[in-house]
Protein backbone atom coordinates (compact mmCIF):
# COMPACT_ATOMS: atom_id res chain seq x y z
CA MET A 1 81.72 92.04 131.04
CA THR A 2 82.26 89.44 133.76
CA SER A 3 83.10 85.83 132.99
CA LYS A 4 79.53 84.80 133.92
CA GLU A 5 78.03 87.48 131.70
CA GLU A 6 80.31 86.47 128.89
CA GLU A 7 79.30 82.81 129.30
CA LEU A 8 75.59 83.74 129.17
CA ALA A 9 76.08 85.90 126.08
CA LEU A 10 78.00 83.13 124.37
CA LYS A 11 75.31 80.56 125.16
CA ASP A 12 72.54 82.85 123.84
CA LYS A 13 74.51 83.49 120.67
CA LEU A 14 75.23 79.75 120.22
CA ARG A 15 71.59 78.87 120.88
CA GLU A 16 70.39 81.25 118.13
CA LEU A 17 73.01 80.02 115.65
CA VAL A 18 72.35 76.33 116.25
CA LYS A 19 68.62 76.87 115.95
CA SER A 20 69.00 78.66 112.61
CA ILE A 21 71.22 75.89 111.31
CA VAL A 22 69.05 73.00 112.51
CA GLU A 23 65.77 74.51 111.30
CA SER A 24 67.02 75.76 107.93
CA ASP A 25 67.53 73.53 104.93
CA ASP A 26 69.95 76.12 103.39
CA TYR A 27 72.06 77.57 106.21
CA THR A 28 75.19 79.53 105.30
CA VAL A 29 78.80 78.59 105.86
CA HIS A 30 79.23 81.87 107.69
CA ALA A 31 76.51 80.79 110.22
CA ALA A 32 78.38 77.56 110.78
CA ASP A 33 81.66 79.44 111.26
CA GLU A 34 80.06 81.71 113.78
CA ALA A 35 78.62 78.78 115.69
CA ILE A 36 82.03 77.09 115.81
CA LEU A 37 83.64 80.31 117.04
CA ALA A 38 81.07 80.77 119.75
CA LEU A 39 81.41 77.13 120.88
CA SER A 40 85.23 77.41 120.88
CA ALA A 41 85.08 80.59 122.96
CA LEU A 42 82.69 78.91 125.41
CA LYS A 43 85.08 75.90 125.67
CA ASP A 44 88.03 78.20 126.35
CA LEU A 45 86.03 80.03 129.01
CA LYS A 46 85.37 76.67 130.71
CA CYS A 47 88.98 75.60 130.34
CA THR A 48 90.19 78.86 131.89
CA ALA A 49 87.89 78.22 134.85
CA SER A 50 89.25 74.71 135.15
CA LEU A 51 92.81 75.98 135.18
CA SER A 52 91.90 78.28 137.97
CA ARG A 53 90.79 75.34 140.06
CA ASN A 54 93.39 72.70 139.26
CA LEU A 55 97.11 72.25 139.46
CA ASP A 56 98.11 68.64 139.09
CA ASN A 57 94.66 67.68 140.48
CA ILE A 58 95.15 69.90 143.56
CA PRO A 59 92.62 72.70 143.92
CA VAL A 60 94.48 76.03 143.84
CA PRO A 61 92.98 79.12 145.47
CA PRO A 62 91.85 81.27 142.54
CA HIS A 63 93.56 84.38 143.92
CA PHE A 64 96.89 82.55 143.60
CA LEU A 65 96.49 82.38 139.84
CA CYS A 66 97.62 85.19 137.50
CA PRO A 67 94.65 86.62 135.56
CA LEU A 68 96.78 86.93 132.41
CA SER A 69 98.57 83.55 132.37
CA GLY A 70 96.06 81.42 134.30
CA HIS A 71 99.04 79.90 136.16
CA LEU A 72 100.20 79.93 139.76
CA MET A 73 101.97 83.21 140.37
CA THR A 74 105.69 83.11 141.20
CA ASP A 75 106.29 86.87 141.54
CA PRO A 76 102.95 88.60 142.38
CA VAL A 77 102.90 92.39 142.00
CA ILE A 78 100.17 94.98 142.52
CA LEU A 79 99.02 97.28 139.67
CA ALA A 80 97.89 100.88 140.24
CA THR A 81 94.24 99.65 140.21
CA GLY A 82 94.90 97.26 143.11
CA GLN A 83 94.73 94.17 140.90
CA THR A 84 97.51 91.53 141.35
CA PHE A 85 99.34 89.87 138.44
CA ASP A 86 102.47 87.76 137.94
CA GLN A 87 105.23 90.26 137.31
CA PRO A 88 106.63 89.04 133.90
CA PHE A 89 103.23 88.80 132.35
CA ILE A 90 101.89 92.19 133.50
CA GLN A 91 105.19 93.80 132.57
CA ARG A 92 104.93 92.53 129.04
CA TRP A 93 101.34 93.72 128.88
CA LEU A 94 102.39 97.23 129.89
CA ASN A 95 105.31 97.23 127.50
CA GLU A 96 103.45 95.98 124.42
CA VAL A 97 99.87 96.97 124.84
CA GLN A 98 99.03 100.16 126.69
CA ARG A 99 98.61 101.67 130.17
CA ILE A 100 95.30 100.13 131.03
CA CYS A 101 94.41 97.39 133.46
CA PRO A 102 93.76 94.10 131.55
CA GLN A 103 91.04 93.20 134.08
CA THR A 104 89.15 96.42 134.76
CA GLN A 105 90.09 98.24 131.53
CA GLN A 106 90.80 101.34 133.66
CA VAL A 107 93.49 103.78 132.50
CA LEU A 108 96.41 103.53 134.91
CA SER A 109 97.58 106.62 136.82
CA HIS A 110 101.11 105.14 136.83
CA SER A 111 102.84 101.93 135.79
CA ILE A 112 104.74 101.24 139.04
CA LEU A 113 104.53 97.61 140.10
CA THR A 114 104.53 96.94 143.82
CA PRO A 115 105.56 93.52 145.15
CA ASN A 116 102.67 91.76 146.89
CA CYS A 117 104.76 90.29 149.69
CA LEU A 118 101.72 89.08 151.64
CA LEU A 119 100.41 87.03 148.71
CA GLN A 120 103.86 85.75 147.90
CA GLY A 121 104.20 84.40 151.47
CA MET A 122 100.69 82.82 151.30
CA ILE A 123 101.56 81.07 148.02
CA SER A 124 104.86 79.80 149.40
CA ARG A 125 103.17 78.38 152.59
CA TRP A 126 100.40 76.80 150.47
CA CYS A 127 102.98 75.11 148.31
CA GLU A 128 104.80 73.75 151.32
CA GLU A 129 101.63 72.42 152.92
CA HIS A 130 100.55 70.63 149.74
CA GLY A 131 103.93 69.36 148.70
CA VAL A 132 103.89 71.52 145.51
CA GLU A 133 107.15 72.78 144.13
CA LEU A 134 106.82 76.48 143.45
CA PRO A 135 107.73 77.16 139.87
CA LYS A 136 110.71 79.38 139.25
CA PRO A 137 109.90 82.95 138.22
CA VAL A 138 109.63 83.44 134.47
CA TRP A 139 111.90 86.41 133.86
CA ASP A 140 112.18 86.08 130.11
CA ILE A 141 108.94 85.74 128.14
CA HIS A 142 109.88 85.50 124.51
CA ASP A 143 107.85 87.33 121.89
CA GLU A 144 107.34 84.01 120.05
CA GLN A 145 105.58 82.39 123.02
CA VAL A 146 101.83 82.12 122.44
CA THR A 147 99.82 81.50 125.61
CA ASP A 148 96.32 80.27 126.23
CA ALA A 149 95.54 83.84 127.33
CA HIS A 150 96.41 85.06 123.79
CA ARG A 151 94.11 82.49 122.17
CA HIS A 152 91.28 83.11 124.57
CA ARG A 153 91.49 86.90 124.11
CA LEU A 154 91.58 86.52 120.33
CA ARG A 155 88.45 84.39 120.33
CA SER A 156 86.65 86.82 122.62
CA LEU A 157 87.59 89.76 120.36
CA LEU A 158 86.57 87.94 117.19
CA TYR A 159 83.23 87.09 118.81
CA LYS A 160 82.66 90.76 119.63
CA LEU A 161 83.11 91.57 115.97
CA SER A 162 79.82 89.75 115.36
CA LEU A 163 77.89 92.00 117.86
CA SER A 164 76.83 95.61 117.82
CA VAL A 165 78.83 98.32 116.03
CA SER A 166 79.98 99.82 119.36
CA GLU A 167 81.34 96.42 120.46
CA GLN A 168 82.88 95.89 117.02
CA LYS A 169 84.73 99.22 117.29
CA GLU A 170 85.91 98.41 120.76
CA ALA A 171 87.21 94.99 119.66
CA ALA A 172 88.86 96.42 116.49
CA LYS A 173 90.76 99.02 118.48
CA GLU A 174 92.19 96.37 120.80
CA LEU A 175 93.05 94.05 117.89
CA ARG A 176 94.83 96.92 116.21
CA GLN A 177 97.00 97.52 119.30
CA LEU A 178 97.67 93.86 119.95
CA ALA A 179 98.74 93.23 116.39
CA LYS A 180 101.04 96.27 116.56
CA ARG A 181 102.73 95.57 119.84
CA MET A 182 102.70 91.79 120.30
CA PRO A 183 104.59 89.68 117.75
CA ALA A 184 103.27 86.49 119.31
CA PHE A 185 99.68 87.59 118.66
CA ARG A 186 100.39 87.96 114.94
CA THR A 187 101.16 84.24 114.69
CA LEU A 188 97.51 83.41 115.48
CA PHE A 189 96.34 84.62 112.06
CA GLY A 190 97.97 82.02 109.85
CA ASP A 191 94.53 80.61 108.96
CA SER A 192 92.20 82.18 106.38
CA GLU A 193 89.14 81.41 108.48
CA VAL A 194 90.51 83.51 111.31
CA VAL A 195 91.37 86.35 108.87
CA HIS A 196 87.79 86.22 107.42
CA LEU A 197 86.36 86.52 110.93
CA LEU A 198 88.56 89.54 111.55
CA LEU A 199 87.35 91.21 108.34
CA SER A 200 83.70 90.09 108.63
CA PRO A 201 82.39 93.59 109.48
CA LEU A 202 83.76 94.75 106.06
CA SER A 203 82.11 91.96 104.07
CA PRO A 204 80.34 93.00 100.82
CA GLY A 205 76.75 93.94 101.47
CA THR A 206 77.44 95.37 104.92
CA ASP A 207 75.46 98.58 105.34
CA CYS A 208 77.53 101.72 105.64
CA VAL A 209 80.65 100.53 107.54
CA ASP A 210 81.70 102.90 110.29
CA PRO A 211 84.83 104.83 109.04
CA GLU A 212 86.65 104.36 112.34
CA LEU A 213 85.96 100.65 112.40
CA HIS A 214 87.09 100.33 108.77
CA GLU A 215 90.36 102.12 109.54
CA ASP A 216 91.08 99.98 112.64
CA LEU A 217 90.53 96.66 110.82
CA ILE A 218 92.63 97.59 107.82
CA THR A 219 95.36 98.82 110.13
CA THR A 220 95.16 95.54 112.03
CA LEU A 221 95.65 93.72 108.71
CA LEU A 222 98.72 95.91 108.07
CA ASN A 223 100.20 95.14 111.50
CA LEU A 224 99.51 91.44 111.06
CA SER A 225 101.25 91.44 107.65
CA ILE A 226 104.55 92.15 109.33
CA HIS A 227 104.71 88.44 110.22
CA ASP A 228 106.24 86.61 107.23
CA ASP A 229 103.85 83.61 107.30
CA ASN A 230 100.87 85.98 107.19
CA LYS A 231 102.10 87.66 104.02
CA ARG A 232 101.57 84.45 102.04
CA VAL A 233 98.21 83.72 103.69
CA PHE A 234 96.90 87.23 102.90
CA GLY A 235 98.28 87.28 99.37
CA GLU A 236 96.67 84.03 98.41
CA ASP A 237 93.29 85.06 99.82
CA GLU A 238 91.03 86.69 97.25
CA LYS A 239 88.87 88.23 99.92
CA VAL A 240 91.81 90.00 101.54
CA ILE A 241 93.03 91.39 98.21
CA SER A 242 89.53 92.52 97.30
CA LEU A 243 88.97 94.32 100.61
CA LEU A 244 92.37 96.05 100.31
CA ILE A 245 91.44 97.30 96.83
CA ASP A 246 88.05 98.56 98.14
CA SER A 247 89.94 100.32 100.96
CA LEU A 248 92.24 101.98 98.44
CA LYS A 249 89.23 103.34 96.63
CA SER A 250 87.27 104.62 99.65
CA GLY A 251 87.53 105.33 103.33
CA THR A 252 89.47 107.79 105.41
CA VAL A 253 92.88 109.02 104.13
CA GLN A 254 94.52 106.91 106.83
CA THR A 255 92.53 103.83 105.80
CA ARG A 256 93.63 104.21 102.16
CA SER A 257 97.27 104.88 103.24
CA ASN A 258 97.30 101.80 105.49
CA ALA A 259 95.78 99.64 102.72
CA ALA A 260 98.69 100.76 100.46
CA ALA A 261 101.17 100.04 103.25
CA ALA A 262 99.67 96.54 103.67
CA ILE A 263 100.18 95.87 99.96
CA PHE A 264 103.77 97.13 100.29
CA SER A 265 104.38 94.72 103.20
CA MET A 266 102.78 91.77 101.46
CA SER A 267 104.73 92.46 98.24
CA ALA A 268 107.92 91.45 99.92
CA LEU A 269 107.06 88.04 98.49
CA ASP A 270 107.56 87.67 94.74
CA SER A 271 104.45 85.49 94.41
CA ASN A 272 102.35 88.20 95.94
CA ARG A 273 103.66 90.86 93.54
CA HIS A 274 102.23 88.85 90.66
CA ILE A 275 98.90 88.25 92.42
CA VAL A 276 98.46 91.92 93.43
CA GLY A 277 99.53 93.12 89.99
CA LYS A 278 96.84 91.04 88.27
CA SER A 279 94.20 92.13 90.82
CA GLY A 280 93.83 95.67 89.56
CA ALA A 281 95.20 97.29 92.66
CA ILE A 282 97.89 99.24 90.73
CA LYS A 283 95.27 101.63 89.22
CA TYR A 284 94.10 102.66 92.67
CA LEU A 285 97.61 103.03 93.99
CA VAL A 286 98.35 105.44 91.17
CA ASP A 287 95.10 107.32 91.88
CA LEU A 288 96.11 107.61 95.53
CA LEU A 289 99.49 108.97 94.48
CA GLU A 290 97.90 111.48 92.15
CA GLU A 291 95.46 112.81 94.69
CA GLY A 292 98.33 114.11 96.73
CA HIS A 293 97.40 113.41 100.31
CA PRO A 294 100.79 113.82 102.10
CA SER A 295 100.15 110.94 104.48
CA ALA A 296 99.13 108.57 101.68
CA MET A 297 101.47 109.41 98.78
CA LYS A 298 104.56 107.84 100.30
CA ASP A 299 102.74 104.59 101.11
CA ALA A 300 101.31 104.47 97.56
CA ALA A 301 104.73 105.12 96.00
CA SER A 302 106.40 102.49 98.22
CA ALA A 303 103.80 99.92 97.27
CA LEU A 304 104.22 100.61 93.56
CA PHE A 305 108.01 100.45 93.89
CA LYS A 306 107.84 97.05 95.49
CA LEU A 307 105.29 95.73 93.00
CA CYS A 308 107.43 96.83 90.07
CA PHE A 309 110.15 94.43 91.03
CA ALA A 310 107.91 92.11 88.89
CA HIS A 311 108.56 93.26 85.29
CA GLU A 312 104.97 92.88 84.09
CA ASN A 313 103.83 95.33 86.85
CA LYS A 314 106.04 98.05 85.31
CA GLY A 315 103.92 97.94 82.21
CA ARG A 316 100.72 98.00 84.22
CA THR A 317 101.89 100.98 86.23
CA VAL A 318 102.89 102.93 83.09
CA ARG A 319 99.51 102.18 81.44
CA GLU A 320 97.76 103.66 84.45
CA GLY A 321 99.49 107.03 83.84
CA ALA A 322 102.07 106.74 86.59
CA VAL A 323 104.90 108.50 84.65
CA GLN A 324 102.91 111.67 84.11
CA VAL A 325 101.71 111.63 87.75
CA ILE A 326 105.26 111.11 89.04
CA LEU A 327 106.72 113.89 86.89
CA SER A 328 104.09 116.35 88.05
CA LYS A 329 104.76 115.54 91.71
CA ILE A 330 108.54 116.03 91.19
CA VAL A 331 107.90 119.41 89.50
CA ASP A 332 106.05 120.38 92.66
CA HIS A 333 109.02 119.15 94.79
CA VAL A 334 106.97 116.36 96.34
CA LEU A 335 108.78 113.17 97.41
CA VAL A 336 111.50 113.87 94.87
CA ASP A 337 113.93 111.23 96.16
CA GLU A 338 111.36 108.47 96.45
CA LEU A 339 109.61 109.22 93.15
CA LEU A 340 112.80 109.44 91.16
CA ALA A 341 113.73 105.97 92.52
CA LEU A 342 110.35 104.65 91.30
CA LEU A 343 110.80 106.37 87.95
CA ALA A 344 114.25 104.88 87.49
CA LEU A 345 112.80 101.40 88.15
CA LEU A 346 109.94 101.99 85.67
CA SER A 347 112.32 103.39 83.07
CA THR A 348 113.70 99.91 82.37
CA HIS A 349 110.43 99.20 80.59
CA SER A 350 110.11 100.31 76.96
CA LYS A 351 106.67 101.82 77.52
CA ALA A 352 108.01 103.97 80.35
CA VAL A 353 110.72 105.35 78.05
CA GLU A 354 108.00 106.32 75.53
CA ALA A 355 106.01 108.07 78.25
CA LEU A 356 109.10 109.91 79.55
CA VAL A 357 109.90 111.16 76.05
CA ASN A 358 106.26 112.15 75.38
CA HIS A 359 106.11 114.21 78.59
CA GLY A 360 109.37 116.08 78.02
CA ALA A 361 111.36 114.50 80.82
CA VAL A 362 114.87 114.96 79.31
CA PRO A 363 115.38 118.67 79.92
CA PHE A 364 113.67 118.38 83.22
CA LEU A 365 116.01 115.61 84.40
CA LEU A 366 119.08 117.48 83.13
CA ASP A 367 117.98 120.55 85.21
CA ILE A 368 117.62 118.36 88.32
CA LEU A 369 121.14 117.00 87.73
CA ARG A 370 122.54 120.53 87.66
CA GLU A 371 120.56 121.81 90.62
CA SER A 372 120.40 118.92 93.10
CA THR A 373 122.94 118.31 95.81
CA SER A 374 121.61 114.84 96.66
CA GLU A 375 123.79 111.95 95.47
CA ARG A 376 120.81 109.58 95.29
CA VAL A 377 118.73 112.03 93.28
CA LYS A 378 121.58 112.42 90.82
CA GLU A 379 122.09 108.62 90.57
CA ASN A 380 118.43 108.07 89.69
CA CYS A 381 118.28 110.99 87.27
CA VAL A 382 121.31 109.76 85.31
CA ALA A 383 119.95 106.18 85.38
CA ILE A 384 116.73 107.42 83.72
CA LEU A 385 118.68 109.43 81.18
CA TYR A 386 120.75 106.40 80.45
CA THR A 387 117.70 104.28 79.46
CA ILE A 388 116.29 107.12 77.36
CA CYS A 389 119.62 107.62 75.62
CA PHE A 390 119.85 104.01 74.70
CA GLY A 391 116.14 103.72 73.80
CA ASP A 392 115.37 106.85 71.76
CA ARG A 393 117.57 108.14 68.96
CA GLU A 394 115.99 111.57 68.77
CA LYS A 395 116.41 112.24 72.49
CA ARG A 396 119.97 111.07 72.24
CA LYS A 397 120.62 114.05 70.01
CA GLU A 398 118.92 116.38 72.49
CA ILE A 399 121.07 115.03 75.36
CA ARG A 400 124.20 115.41 73.21
CA GLU A 401 123.38 119.04 72.41
CA ASP A 402 122.82 119.87 76.07
CA GLU A 403 126.06 118.16 77.01
CA MET A 404 128.06 120.16 74.43
CA ALA A 405 126.53 123.35 75.84
CA ASN A 406 126.61 122.64 79.56
CA GLY A 407 128.81 119.61 80.25
CA THR A 408 126.38 118.32 82.84
CA LEU A 409 127.23 114.65 82.41
CA SER A 410 130.93 115.26 82.24
CA LYS A 411 130.82 117.00 85.61
CA LEU A 412 128.93 114.07 87.05
CA ALA A 413 131.48 111.63 85.49
CA GLN A 414 134.20 113.46 87.42
CA CYS A 415 132.53 114.30 90.75
CA GLY A 416 129.53 112.02 91.20
CA SER A 417 129.17 108.78 93.16
CA SER A 418 130.60 105.60 91.70
CA ARG A 419 127.16 104.56 90.34
CA ALA A 420 126.50 108.01 88.86
CA LYS A 421 130.00 108.07 87.30
CA ARG A 422 129.38 104.67 85.56
CA LYS A 423 126.05 105.79 84.08
CA ALA A 424 127.41 109.22 83.02
CA ASN A 425 130.42 107.70 81.34
CA ALA A 426 128.25 105.12 79.53
CA ILE A 427 126.00 107.90 78.19
CA LEU A 428 129.02 109.97 77.09
CA ASP A 429 130.46 106.93 75.29
CA ARG A 430 127.17 106.34 73.58
CA LEU A 431 126.97 109.98 72.50
CA SER A 432 130.53 109.62 71.10
CA ILE A 433 131.61 112.73 72.98
CA ALA A 434 135.40 112.60 73.08
CA GLN A 435 137.16 113.50 76.32
CA SER A 436 138.85 116.46 74.62
CA SER A 437 135.44 117.98 73.88
CA THR A 438 134.94 118.84 77.50
CA GLN A 439 138.29 118.53 79.17
CA GLY A 440 139.18 122.20 78.57
CA VAL A 441 136.49 123.16 80.94
CA PHE A 442 135.88 120.08 83.02
CA GLY A 443 139.15 118.13 82.88
CA ILE A 444 139.75 114.54 81.84
CA ARG A 445 136.73 112.19 82.41
CA GLN A 446 137.31 109.47 84.84
């Protein structure tokens, strides 16, 4: 779409929106937001055109301006498509976005940049003739730098999300890539209104959302959540949390997986752990873990692990049947390391100890201790046994009987990692097993 075509489309859209607002006694806030967005995009389009014509009130030949930055080029280079850009800006585009021309959207046959010496000479002569000091080349464009080109592109893409499904899908794909590759772009989503516009195609009542569009928008949200300021904005927004929960319940496997990953990212903030825990999301994370999609289980487990840093979420996770689900996955040798770490964290809650006892976890954990060669697996196993030993008298007897027969914990107290040794020794002390009981076979405990 050319600038003129985009301008006409924006004017038509704005005309319809203003008419509906003026003629209706009960227009919606969403309609007003869309009108503001269309007007803002139209303003930016006009400003961009003005930038192309003015430099300190001196008309600048348009072909001297970089299409990406809107500024006078200092190091013009030619792309494979024949388009010319300022070198630092097009290089960043190629590094962070993809191998397509930002002007023509053509896939590039190669990414070699050829100096446009002719244009460089023309710009230098023009500057001399008009008494303009040629800016020094910008060799270092920091990720944190947000340009007018970023803002204009965002408004254009958000506007496309209000158009046809095909245009929504095209915009969502680009938003996904920009949020993934350009840290500066993520900083533009610190306002809930912008986030709502991003997620507008997923709003409740929308007829049959295209699965590909759904996946791209949720993945965009995940990529944006990497930025620390966005974590708080997303966590405090009920609409975002609600859409993430809906995405955990339905959608492609990748959509559900990325919704879980977004919750994991947002849960880096303690305040968000409490908000997400109260929202009901834990049930659907446990469901996702139970269903066993390889690409989704790890994201679900990671999100639950992070959420359970808040103690009340441990109880919620246990009530949703997580202990039984985790044990069944470990039996099947699925994500053993990650799930034992989650189980060790849960085991510090009394309800988790009850669930572990009820599902026969003690002999199972002792078998893992004897068979595993992973230090981390052993550390988490003995940590779980420690909480069971101190929380359930009957199971303490069972652990003692196993120890007298096999000396599993005594071996660990001798040869395990420092963390495993501490836990094993604490259990042995609790069981009142004297060093002499096992030293004939295993030596003196350390």
